[in-house]
């Protein structure tokens, strides 16, 4: 894993509860084969490069074809000379506590 993205994909035109729509996007991410983790506020995706991660994000957005307006927030962590898993970052912090 060299590229990690935190992404929040939220339809703005579907009312207060949007889990029905968010689950469509998360399903695309889950089926991508990339490492991922759902959080209450978004989803983390890890891949070998930014192109791979952006491709999955784009497919997740496109899965919401029945939404007319979508808010998308993305935060990227790219580390060229680093490999490992998402859990490595968490374990590193937890060891310090």
C-alpha atoms as a PDB file:
ATOM      1  CA  UNK A   1       0.000   0.000   0.000  1.00  0.00           C
ATOM      2  CA  UNK A   2       1.450   3.303  -1.106  1.00  0.00           C
ATOM      3  CA  UNK A   3      -1.762   5.288  -1.523  1.00  0.00           C
ATOM      4  CA  UNK A   4      -4.478   5.626   1.056  1.00  0.00           C
ATOM      5  CA  UNK A   5      -7.641   7.696   0.685  1.00  0.00           C
ATOM      6  CA  UNK A   6     -10.289   8.710   3.149  1.00  0.00           C
ATOM      7  CA  UNK A   7     -13.449   9.330   1.123  1.00  0.00           C
ATOM      8  CA  UNK A   8     -16.933  10.457   2.033  1.00  0.00           C
ATOM      9  CA  UNK A   9     -19.563  10.142  -0.707  1.00  0.00           C
ATOM     10  CA  UNK A  10     -22.902  11.613   0.341  1.00  0.00           C
ATOM     11  CA  UNK A  11     -25.973  12.298  -1.798  1.00  0.00           C
ATOM     12  CA  UNK A  12     -27.485  15.707  -1.077  1.00  0.00           C
ATOM     13  CA  UNK A  13     -30.857  15.185  -2.727  1.00  0.00           C
ATOM     14  CA  UNK A  14     -32.104  12.055  -0.917  1.00  0.00           C
ATOM     15  CA  UNK A  15     -33.219  13.335   2.476  1.00  0.00           C
ATOM     16  CA  UNK A  16     -31.879  12.906   5.960  1.00  0.00           C
ATOM     17  CA  UNK A  17     -31.046   9.178   5.953  1.00  0.00           C
ATOM     18  CA  UNK A  18     -28.759   8.175   3.084  1.00  0.00           C
ATOM     19  CA  UNK A  19     -27.442   4.749   4.133  1.00  0.00           C
ATOM     20  CA  UNK A  20     -29.351   3.134   1.238  1.00  0.00           C
ATOM     21  CA  UNK A  21     -27.215   5.159  -1.187  1.00  0.00           C
ATOM     22  CA  UNK A  22     -23.943   5.116   0.741  1.00  0.00           C
ATOM     23  CA  UNK A  23     -24.148   1.314   0.853  1.00  0.00           C
ATOM     24  CA  UNK A  24     -24.114   1.220  -2.969  1.00  0.00           C
ATOM     25  CA  UNK A  25     -20.821   3.118  -3.032  1.00  0.00           C
ATOM     26  CA  UNK A  26     -19.338   0.995  -0.234  1.00  0.00           C
ATOM     27  CA  UNK A  27     -20.316  -2.186  -2.097  1.00  0.00           C
ATOM     28  CA  UNK A  28     -18.241  -1.047  -5.092  1.00  0.00           C
ATOM     29  CA  UNK A  29     -15.279  -0.394  -2.795  1.00  0.00           C
ATOM     30  CA  UNK A  30     -15.718  -3.752  -1.039  1.00  0.00           C
ATOM     31  CA  UNK A  31     -15.838  -5.647  -4.332  1.00  0.00           C
ATOM     32  CA  UNK A  32     -12.727  -3.857  -5.669  1.00  0.00           C
ATOM     33  CA  UNK A  33     -10.338  -6.217  -3.905  1.00  0.00           C
ATOM     34  CA  UNK A  34      -8.472  -3.307  -2.329  1.00  0.00           C
ATOM     35  CA  UNK A  35      -7.956  -3.020   1.405  1.00  0.00           C
ATOM     36  CA  UNK A  36     -10.726  -0.869   2.890  1.00  0.00           C
ATOM     37  CA  UNK A  37     -12.350   0.101   6.163  1.00  0.00           C
ATOM     38  CA  UNK A  38     -15.762   1.650   6.748  1.00  0.00           C
ATOM     39  CA  UNK A  39     -15.998   4.315   9.458  1.00  0.00           C
ATOM     40  CA  UNK A  40     -19.057   6.225  10.694  1.00  0.00           C
ATOM     41  CA  UNK A  41     -18.052   9.275   8.635  1.00  0.00           C
ATOM     42  CA  UNK A  42     -16.492   7.760   5.497  1.00  0.00           C
ATOM     43  CA  UNK A  43     -14.447   4.934   4.048  1.00  0.00           C
ATOM     44  CA  UNK A  44     -10.691   4.386   3.907  1.00  0.00           C
ATOM     45  CA  UNK A  45      -9.282   2.711   0.788  1.00  0.00           C
ATOM     46  CA  UNK A  46      -5.672   1.562   0.317  1.00  0.00           C
ATOM     47  CA  UNK A  47      -3.955   0.626  -2.925  1.00  0.00           C
ATOM     48  CA  UNK A  48      -0.628   0.458  -4.706  1.00  0.00           C
ATOM     49  CA  UNK A  49      -0.998   3.862  -6.383  1.00  0.00           C
ATOM     50  CA  UNK A  50      -3.298   6.853  -6.582  1.00  0.00           C
ATOM     51  CA  UNK A  51      -4.678   5.825  -9.981  1.00  0.00           C
ATOM     52  CA  UNK A  52      -5.938   2.549  -8.537  1.00  0.00           C
ATOM     53  CA  UNK A  53      -7.563   4.298  -5.582  1.00  0.00           C
ATOM     54  CA  UNK A  54      -9.090   7.108  -7.679  1.00  0.00           C
ATOM     55  CA  UNK A  55     -10.494   4.553 -10.119  1.00  0.00           C
ATOM     56  CA  UNK A  56     -12.427   2.827  -7.336  1.00  0.00           C
ATOM     57  CA  UNK A  57     -13.628   6.143  -5.933  1.00  0.00           C
ATOM     58  CA  UNK A  58     -14.890   7.129  -9.386  1.00  0.00           C
ATOM     59  CA  UNK A  59     -16.722   3.798  -9.770  1.00  0.00           C
ATOM     60  CA  UNK A  60     -18.280   4.260  -6.326  1.00  0.00           C
ATOM     61  CA  UNK A  61     -19.510   7.715  -7.322  1.00  0.00           C
ATOM     62  CA  UNK A  62     -20.902   6.402 -10.607  1.00  0.00           C
ATOM     63  CA  UNK A  63     -22.840   3.717  -8.716  1.00  0.00           C
ATOM     64  CA  UNK A  64     -25.061   6.521  -7.389  1.00  0.00           C
ATOM     65  CA  UNK A  65     -26.537   7.170 -10.815  1.00  0.00           C
ATOM     66  CA  UNK A  66     -29.951   7.800  -9.246  1.00  0.00           C
ATOM     67  CA  UNK A  67     -28.621  10.793  -7.281  1.00  0.00           C
ATOM     68  CA  UNK A  68     -28.608  14.235  -8.877  1.00  0.00           C
ATOM     69  CA  UNK A  69     -26.229  15.895  -6.402  1.00  0.00           C
ATOM     70  CA  UNK A  70     -23.415  14.269  -4.428  1.00  0.00           C
ATOM     71  CA  UNK A  71     -20.953  15.753  -1.952  1.00  0.00           C
ATOM     72  CA  UNK A  72     -17.521  14.110  -2.155  1.00  0.00           C
ATOM     73  CA  UNK A  73     -14.652  14.696   0.253  1.00  0.00           C
ATOM     74  CA  UNK A  74     -11.289  12.996  -0.315  1.00  0.00           C
ATOM     75  CA  UNK A  75      -8.104  13.060   1.729  1.00  0.00           C
ATOM     76  CA  UNK A  76      -5.064  11.269   0.254  1.00  0.00           C
ATOM     77  CA  UNK A  77      -1.928   9.928   1.946  1.00  0.00           C
ATOM     78  CA  UNK A  78       0.696   8.916  -0.604  1.00  0.00           C
ATOM     79  CA  UNK A  79       4.016   7.489   0.490  1.00  0.00           C
ATOM     80  CA  UNK A  80       6.267   6.563  -2.425  1.00  0.00           C
ATOM     81  CA  UNK A  81       8.763   4.337  -0.646  1.00  0.00           C
ATOM     82  CA  UNK A  82       6.503   2.625   1.880  1.00  0.00           C
ATOM     83  CA  UNK A  83       4.573  -0.636   1.821  1.00  0.00           C
ATOM     84  CA  UNK A  84       2.332  -2.264   4.388  1.00  0.00           C
ATOM     85  CA  UNK A  85      -1.262  -2.371   5.511  1.00  0.00           C
ATOM     86  CA  UNK A  86      -3.648   0.201   6.910  1.00  0.00           C
ATOM     87  CA  UNK A  87      -3.469  -1.544  10.265  1.00  0.00           C
ATOM     88  CA  UNK A  88       0.287  -0.828  10.423  1.00  0.00           C
ATOM     89  CA  UNK A  89      -0.430   2.891  10.878  1.00  0.00           C
ATOM     90  CA  UNK A  90      -2.887   2.225  13.690  1.00  0.00           C
ATOM     91  CA  UNK A  91      -0.561  -0.240  15.417  1.00  0.00           C
ATOM     92  CA  UNK A  92       2.284   2.277  15.279  1.00  0.00           C
ATOM     93  CA  UNK A  93       0.184   4.838  17.172  1.00  0.00           C
ATOM     94  CA  UNK A  94      -1.205   2.304  19.642  1.00  0.00           C
ATOM     95  CA  UNK A  95       2.317   1.206  20.596  1.00  0.00           C
ATOM     96  CA  UNK A  96       3.025   4.787  21.664  1.00  0.00           C
ATOM     97  CA  UNK A  97       0.081   4.914  24.076  1.00  0.00           C
END
